[in-house]
Each structure stands twice: as structure tokens, then as C-alpha cells.
């Protein structure tokens, strides 16, 4: 099952859609992005979070790449490129291809 724009609650485990806090993920992303980052200045919307590796799936609405998976640093400040690490996705099928199941393992 994949996330779709019209059904954002459907994501494969270990991905999940937080009941609240999506806006805080977007705020943290914008705080961390340095000017040379591919998402700098982009309009993004947090869509899901991976429980296993703490990555965040963002919908990108104003760039050629429609989706990106980002590993936030949670520093609360601008990072040095290439952080925060980001993986652009052309489709949501790429989410499973590039971020396969973590076999139930959760990072500590």
C-alpha cells in the first residue's frame, strides 16, 4: 500500500502518518536547509515519517521532483551542505524501492 495525495493515511509499515506534528517537521526542515540544498526555498508538505529510521517523506509542490525523503538532524539551526540528507523520489513507488522494509527493526 502506498501513500497517495488523496489518501495520505495509507502508507506501508514502518512509515506512518502522525496525528499531529507534521507542521513541526516542515518547520525543522526549513530551519536546517542551507542555500545550496536542493530543497532550499521549496514548498514542501510533510506526508509521513519512518518509525524505523526517523526519515520524513515530504511532498514537494514547486520543483520537478514531486517527493523527497529527508533525514532531519534536529539541530534547530541551518546545517552545512549536504545536510540534511535528502533523497528525491520521482514517484511513490520509489519510496519502497529506495527505502525497503526495515524488517521491524527500529533505530534506538
Protein backbone atom coordinates (compact mmCIF):
# COMPACT_ATOMS: atom_id res chain seq x y z
CA UNK A 1 0.00 0.00 0.00
CA UNK A 2 1.40 3.41 -0.94
CA UNK A 3 0.70 6.94 0.11
CA UNK A 4 -1.37 8.88 -2.37
CA UNK A 5 -2.28 12.56 -2.41
CA UNK A 6 -5.95 11.68 -1.97
CA UNK A 7 -5.38 9.04 0.71
CA UNK A 8 -2.50 10.20 2.93
CA UNK A 9 -3.28 7.73 5.71
CA UNK A 10 -2.26 4.71 3.66
CA UNK A 11 1.45 4.07 3.98
CA UNK A 12 3.43 0.83 4.30
CA UNK A 13 4.96 -0.02 7.68
CA UNK A 14 7.24 1.21 9.18
CA UNK A 15 6.03 4.51 7.62
CA UNK A 16 3.22 6.26 9.49
CA UNK A 17 1.30 9.50 9.39
CA UNK A 18 1.49 11.32 12.73
CA UNK A 19 -1.86 12.56 14.01
CA UNK A 20 -0.25 15.95 14.59
CA UNK A 21 3.19 17.41 14.29
CA UNK A 22 3.51 17.42 10.51
CA UNK A 23 3.88 21.19 10.54
CA UNK A 24 6.74 20.93 13.05
CA UNK A 25 8.56 18.60 10.64
CA UNK A 26 8.21 21.20 7.89
CA UNK A 27 9.46 23.96 10.19
CA UNK A 28 12.51 21.94 11.20
CA UNK A 29 13.32 21.19 7.56
CA UNK A 30 13.27 24.90 6.66
CA UNK A 31 15.48 25.75 9.66
CA UNK A 32 18.09 23.17 8.63
CA UNK A 33 18.32 23.80 4.87
CA UNK A 34 21.46 25.60 3.64
CA UNK A 35 21.12 27.73 0.46
CA UNK A 36 22.80 25.14 -1.80
CA UNK A 37 20.42 22.31 -0.76
CA UNK A 38 18.05 21.01 -3.46
CA UNK A 39 15.05 21.73 -1.19
CA UNK A 40 16.11 25.23 -0.12
CA UNK A 41 13.18 27.58 -0.65
CA UNK A 42 10.92 24.76 -1.86
CA UNK A 43 7.27 24.50 -0.88
CA UNK A 44 7.05 21.21 1.00
CA UNK A 45 4.43 19.36 2.99
CA UNK A 46 5.34 16.57 5.41
CA UNK A 47 3.40 13.44 4.49
CA UNK A 48 4.78 10.57 6.60
CA UNK A 49 7.57 9.54 8.94
CA UNK A 50 9.53 6.30 9.11
CA UNK A 51 9.44 4.76 12.57
CA UNK A 52 12.50 2.60 11.83
CA UNK A 53 14.97 5.26 10.66
CA UNK A 54 13.23 8.55 11.51
CA UNK A 55 13.25 9.75 7.88
CA UNK A 56 10.44 12.05 6.75
CA UNK A 57 8.59 11.88 3.44
CA UNK A 58 7.87 15.34 2.02
CA UNK A 59 5.59 16.28 -0.88
CA UNK A 60 7.38 18.94 -2.97
CA UNK A 61 4.92 21.16 -4.83
CA UNK A 62 7.10 23.60 -6.75
CA UNK A 63 10.03 21.58 -8.08
CA UNK A 64 10.47 18.89 -10.76
CA UNK A 65 10.89 16.30 -8.01
CA UNK A 66 7.44 15.59 -6.51
CA UNK A 67 8.66 13.76 -3.38
CA UNK A 68 11.74 13.69 -1.17
CA UNK A 69 12.78 11.59 1.80
CA UNK A 70 14.79 13.65 4.28
CA UNK A 71 16.77 12.69 7.36
CA UNK A 72 16.48 15.72 9.64
CA UNK A 73 19.29 16.41 12.10
CA UNK A 74 17.03 18.10 14.69
CA UNK A 75 19.72 20.70 15.38
CA UNK A 76 17.21 23.55 15.17
CA UNK A 77 19.62 25.55 13.01
CA UNK A 78 20.93 25.76 9.45
CA UNK A 79 23.17 22.83 8.57
CA UNK A 80 26.18 22.61 6.28
CA UNK A 81 25.58 21.03 2.88
CA UNK A 82 24.85 18.15 2.23
CA UNK A 83 22.79 18.01 5.43
CA UNK A 84 20.01 17.34 5.99
CA UNK A 85 20.43 14.26 3.81
CA UNK A 86 17.71 14.12 1.13
CA UNK A 87 16.70 11.55 -1.46
CA UNK A 88 14.49 12.84 -4.28
CA UNK A 89 11.75 10.49 -5.48
CA UNK A 90 10.10 10.64 -8.90
CA UNK A 91 7.16 8.51 -7.75
CA UNK A 92 5.89 6.99 -4.55
CA UNK A 93 6.84 3.57 -5.88
CA UNK A 94 10.43 4.78 -5.40
CA UNK A 95 9.70 5.05 -1.68
CA UNK A 96 9.56 1.27 -1.39
CA UNK A 97 12.34 0.68 -3.90
CA UNK A 98 14.82 3.03 -2.19
CA UNK A 99 13.59 2.56 1.38
CA UNK A 100 12.68 -1.12 1.66
CA UNK A 101 11.17 -2.68 4.75
CA UNK A 102 13.36 -2.48 7.81
CA UNK A 103 12.12 -5.89 8.93
CA UNK A 104 10.62 -4.45 12.07
CA UNK A 105 13.94 -3.05 13.32
CA UNK A 106 13.61 0.34 14.96
CA UNK A 107 16.63 2.62 15.43
CA UNK A 108 17.39 3.44 19.05
